[in-house]
Amino acid sequence: MKKILSLTAFLAVVLSILTACQSAASPVKIDAVKTEINAAPKTDAHGHADDAPRINLTDAKKDFDAGSAVFVDTRAETDFKSEHIKGAINIPMEAVELRYKEIPTGKKIIAYCS
């Protein structure tokens, strides 16, 4: 049961990562009955076009330094090798489904893509 709950929570985080890493400027298809076929996605007060949870840098560093969080860089390996947060693990967005077991359990997952 614990594994099922952990997997469910992880999948929710993965969906948030995938949503957060997509461009906010890309058009979104709307109802074909309307005359418009494309519209910019709605954004929140901070300009984010998704509902992925956010964390500020100070809190992220505090959690990471305390060992209660892990940074997951979802960019391509070449970008990760060029520059990344020290201690982050690289799991490109397109490989998350295959490599999710590499992410430590029991820690806050802080994913970033830029």
C-alpha atoms as a PDB file:
ATOM      1  CA  MET A   1       0.000   0.000   0.000  1.00  0.00           C
ATOM      2  CA  LYS A   2       2.868   2.362   0.871  1.00  0.00           C
ATOM      3  CA  LYS A   3       4.464   1.739  -2.533  1.00  0.00           C
ATOM      4  CA  ILE A   4       1.187   2.467  -4.306  1.00  0.00           C
ATOM      5  CA  LEU A   5       0.810   5.770  -2.452  1.00  0.00           C
ATOM      6  CA  SER A   6       4.444   6.676  -3.161  1.00  0.00           C
ATOM      7  CA  LEU A   7       4.035   5.838  -6.849  1.00  0.00           C
ATOM      8  CA  THR A   8       0.823   7.874  -7.043  1.00  0.00           C
ATOM      9  CA  ALA A   9       2.503  10.864  -5.404  1.00  0.00           C
ATOM     10  CA  PHE A  10       5.482  10.505  -7.712  1.00  0.00           C
ATOM     11  CA  LEU A  11       3.280  10.387 -10.807  1.00  0.00           C
ATOM     12  CA  ALA A  12       1.558  13.580  -9.662  1.00  0.00           C
ATOM     13  CA  VAL A  13       4.958  15.262  -9.366  1.00  0.00           C
ATOM     14  CA  VAL A  14       5.990  13.978 -12.802  1.00  0.00           C
ATOM     15  CA  LEU A  15       2.853  15.443 -14.349  1.00  0.00           C
ATOM     16  CA  SER A  16       3.617  18.750 -12.639  1.00  0.00           C
ATOM     17  CA  ILE A  17       7.159  18.661 -14.016  1.00  0.00           C
ATOM     18  CA  LEU A  18       5.982  17.958 -17.531  1.00  0.00           C
ATOM     19  CA  THR A  19       3.431  20.733 -17.335  1.00  0.00           C
ATOM     20  CA  ALA A  20       5.845  23.230 -15.789  1.00  0.00           C
ATOM     21  CA  CYS A  21       8.552  22.619 -18.371  1.00  0.00           C
ATOM     22  CA  GLN A  22       6.359  23.272 -21.381  1.00  0.00           C
ATOM     23  CA  SER A  23       6.455  26.725 -22.858  1.00  0.00           C
ATOM     24  CA  ALA A  24       3.858  29.112 -21.517  1.00  0.00           C
ATOM     25  CA  ALA A  25       3.787  30.829 -24.890  1.00  0.00           C
ATOM     26  CA  SER A  26       2.636  27.801 -26.868  1.00  0.00           C
ATOM     27  CA  PRO A  27      -0.933  28.016 -28.173  1.00  0.00           C
ATOM     28  CA  VAL A  28      -3.632  25.908 -26.591  1.00  0.00           C
ATOM     29  CA  LYS A  29      -6.367  24.367 -28.735  1.00  0.00           C
ATOM     30  CA  ILE A  30      -9.827  25.474 -27.671  1.00  0.00           C
ATOM     31  CA  ASP A  31     -13.345  24.315 -28.466  1.00  0.00           C
ATOM     32  CA  ALA A  32     -13.799  23.956 -32.255  1.00  0.00           C
ATOM     33  CA  VAL A  33     -17.274  25.506 -32.016  1.00  0.00           C
ATOM     34  CA  LYS A  34     -15.713  28.884 -31.225  1.00  0.00           C
ATOM     35  CA  THR A  35     -14.326  31.006 -34.012  1.00  0.00           C
ATOM     36  CA  GLU A  36     -10.866  31.146 -32.406  1.00  0.00           C
ATOM     37  CA  ILE A  37      -8.830  27.976 -32.708  1.00  0.00           C
ATOM     38  CA  ASN A  38      -5.848  29.033 -30.625  1.00  0.00           C
ATOM     39  CA  ALA A  39      -5.498  31.130 -27.496  1.00  0.00           C
ATOM     40  CA  ALA A  40      -2.704  31.839 -25.041  1.00  0.00           C
ATOM     41  CA  PRO A  41      -3.001  29.769 -21.839  1.00  0.00           C
ATOM     42  CA  LYS A  42      -4.388  31.484 -18.762  1.00  0.00           C
ATOM     43  CA  THR A  43      -1.736  32.515 -16.273  1.00  0.00           C
ATOM     44  CA  ASP A  44      -1.738  33.072 -12.535  1.00  0.00           C
ATOM     45  CA  ALA A  45      -0.694  36.263 -10.717  1.00  0.00           C
ATOM     46  CA  HIS A  46       2.994  35.370 -11.224  1.00  0.00           C
ATOM     47  CA  GLY A  47       2.667  34.672 -14.949  1.00  0.00           C
ATOM     48  CA  HIS A  48       2.823  30.867 -14.612  1.00  0.00           C
ATOM     49  CA  ALA A  49       0.677  29.034 -17.159  1.00  0.00           C
ATOM     50  CA  ASP A  50       0.261  25.856 -15.109  1.00  0.00           C
ATOM     51  CA  ASP A  51      -0.724  24.806 -11.623  1.00  0.00           C
ATOM     52  CA  ALA A  52       2.557  23.140 -10.656  1.00  0.00           C
ATOM     53  CA  PRO A  53       3.595  23.950  -7.073  1.00  0.00           C
ATOM     54  CA  ARG A  54       6.417  26.485  -6.803  1.00  0.00           C
ATOM     55  CA  ILE A  55       9.159  26.994  -4.214  1.00  0.00           C
ATOM     56  CA  ASN A  56      11.362  30.038  -3.746  1.00  0.00           C
ATOM     57  CA  LEU A  57      15.143  29.750  -3.930  1.00  0.00           C
ATOM     58  CA  THR A  58      15.710  30.385  -0.210  1.00  0.00           C
ATOM     59  CA  ASP A  59      13.347  27.587   0.860  1.00  0.00           C
ATOM     60  CA  ALA A  60      14.678  25.224  -1.821  1.00  0.00           C
ATOM     61  CA  LYS A  61      18.274  25.732  -0.671  1.00  0.00           C
ATOM     62  CA  LYS A  62      17.289  25.336   2.981  1.00  0.00           C
ATOM     63  CA  ASP A  63      15.504  22.026   2.275  1.00  0.00           C
ATOM     64  CA  PHE A  64      18.343  20.770   0.063  1.00  0.00           C
ATOM     65  CA  ASP A  65      21.033  21.699   2.604  1.00  0.00           C
ATOM     66  CA  ALA A  66      19.021  19.964   5.351  1.00  0.00           C
ATOM     67  CA  GLY A  67      18.915  16.783   3.239  1.00  0.00           C
ATOM     68  CA  SER A  68      15.133  16.816   2.991  1.00  0.00           C
ATOM     69  CA  ALA A  69      14.992  17.665  -0.722  1.00  0.00           C
ATOM     70  CA  VAL A  70      16.602  16.592  -3.966  1.00  0.00           C
ATOM     71  CA  PHE A  71      17.082  18.695  -7.104  1.00  0.00           C
ATOM     72  CA  VAL A  72      16.141  16.976 -10.366  1.00  0.00           C
ATOM     73  CA  ASP A  73      17.399  18.707 -13.506  1.00  0.00           C
ATOM     74  CA  THR A  74      14.980  17.743 -16.297  1.00  0.00           C
ATOM     75  CA  ARG A  75      17.029  19.241 -19.132  1.00  0.00           C
ATOM     76  CA  ALA A  76      18.982  17.277 -21.740  1.00  0.00           C
ATOM     77  CA  GLU A  77      22.225  15.666 -20.577  1.00  0.00           C
ATOM     78  CA  THR A  78      24.337  18.083 -22.651  1.00  0.00           C
ATOM     79  CA  ASP A  79      22.762  21.073 -20.863  1.00  0.00           C
ATOM     80  CA  PHE A  80      23.226  19.364 -17.488  1.00  0.00           C
ATOM     81  CA  LYS A  81      26.920  18.702 -18.216  1.00  0.00           C
ATOM     82  CA  SER A  82      27.371  22.319 -19.257  1.00  0.00           C
ATOM     83  CA  GLU A  83      25.913  23.724 -16.037  1.00  0.00           C
ATOM     84  CA  HIS A  84      23.758  22.488 -13.142  1.00  0.00           C
ATOM     85  CA  ILE A  85      23.081  22.836  -9.442  1.00  0.00           C
ATOM     86  CA  LYS A  86      25.794  20.993  -7.498  1.00  0.00           C
ATOM     87  CA  GLY A  87      24.286  17.776  -6.140  1.00  0.00           C
ATOM     88  CA  ALA A  88      21.383  17.702  -8.613  1.00  0.00           C
ATOM     89  CA  ILE A  89      20.564  14.536 -10.498  1.00  0.00           C
ATOM     90  CA  ASN A  90      19.873  14.642 -14.220  1.00  0.00           C
ATOM     91  CA  ILE A  91      16.777  12.904 -15.496  1.00  0.00           C
ATOM     92  CA  PRO A  92      15.702  14.475 -18.785  1.00  0.00           C
ATOM     93  CA  MET A  93      11.972  15.129 -19.054  1.00  0.00           C
ATOM     94  CA  GLU A  94      11.509  12.523 -21.788  1.00  0.00           C
ATOM     95  CA  ALA A  95      13.207   9.856 -19.617  1.00  0.00           C
ATOM     96  CA  VAL A  96      11.277  10.410 -16.367  1.00  0.00           C
ATOM     97  CA  GLU A  97       8.954   7.450 -16.928  1.00  0.00           C
ATOM     98  CA  LEU A  98      11.930   5.121 -17.411  1.00  0.00           C
ATOM     99  CA  ARG A  99      14.221   6.503 -14.709  1.00  0.00           C
ATOM    100  CA  TYR A 100      11.896   7.626 -11.894  1.00  0.00           C
ATOM    101  CA  LYS A 101      13.317   4.938  -9.580  1.00  0.00           C
ATOM    102  CA  GLU A 102      16.601   6.898  -9.494  1.00  0.00           C
ATOM    103  CA  ILE A 103      14.894   9.663  -7.517  1.00  0.00           C
ATOM    104  CA  PRO A 104      15.320   9.167  -3.772  1.00  0.00           C
ATOM    105  CA  THR A 105      12.082   8.502  -1.900  1.00  0.00           C
ATOM    106  CA  GLY A 106      11.009  10.285   1.254  1.00  0.00           C
ATOM    107  CA  LYS A 107      12.370  13.645   0.089  1.00  0.00           C
ATOM    108  CA  LYS A 108      10.838  16.722  -1.484  1.00  0.00           C
ATOM    109  CA  ILE A 109      11.488  16.671  -5.232  1.00  0.00           C
ATOM    110  CA  ILE A 110      12.498  20.040  -6.644  1.00  0.00           C
ATOM    111  CA  ALA A 111      12.531  19.773 -10.411  1.00  0.00           C
ATOM    112  CA  TYR A 112      13.930  22.476 -12.649  1.00  0.00           C
ATOM    113  CA  CYS A 113      14.290  22.858 -16.386  1.00  0.00           C
ATOM    114  CA  SER A 114      15.975  26.200 -16.991  1.00  0.00           C
END
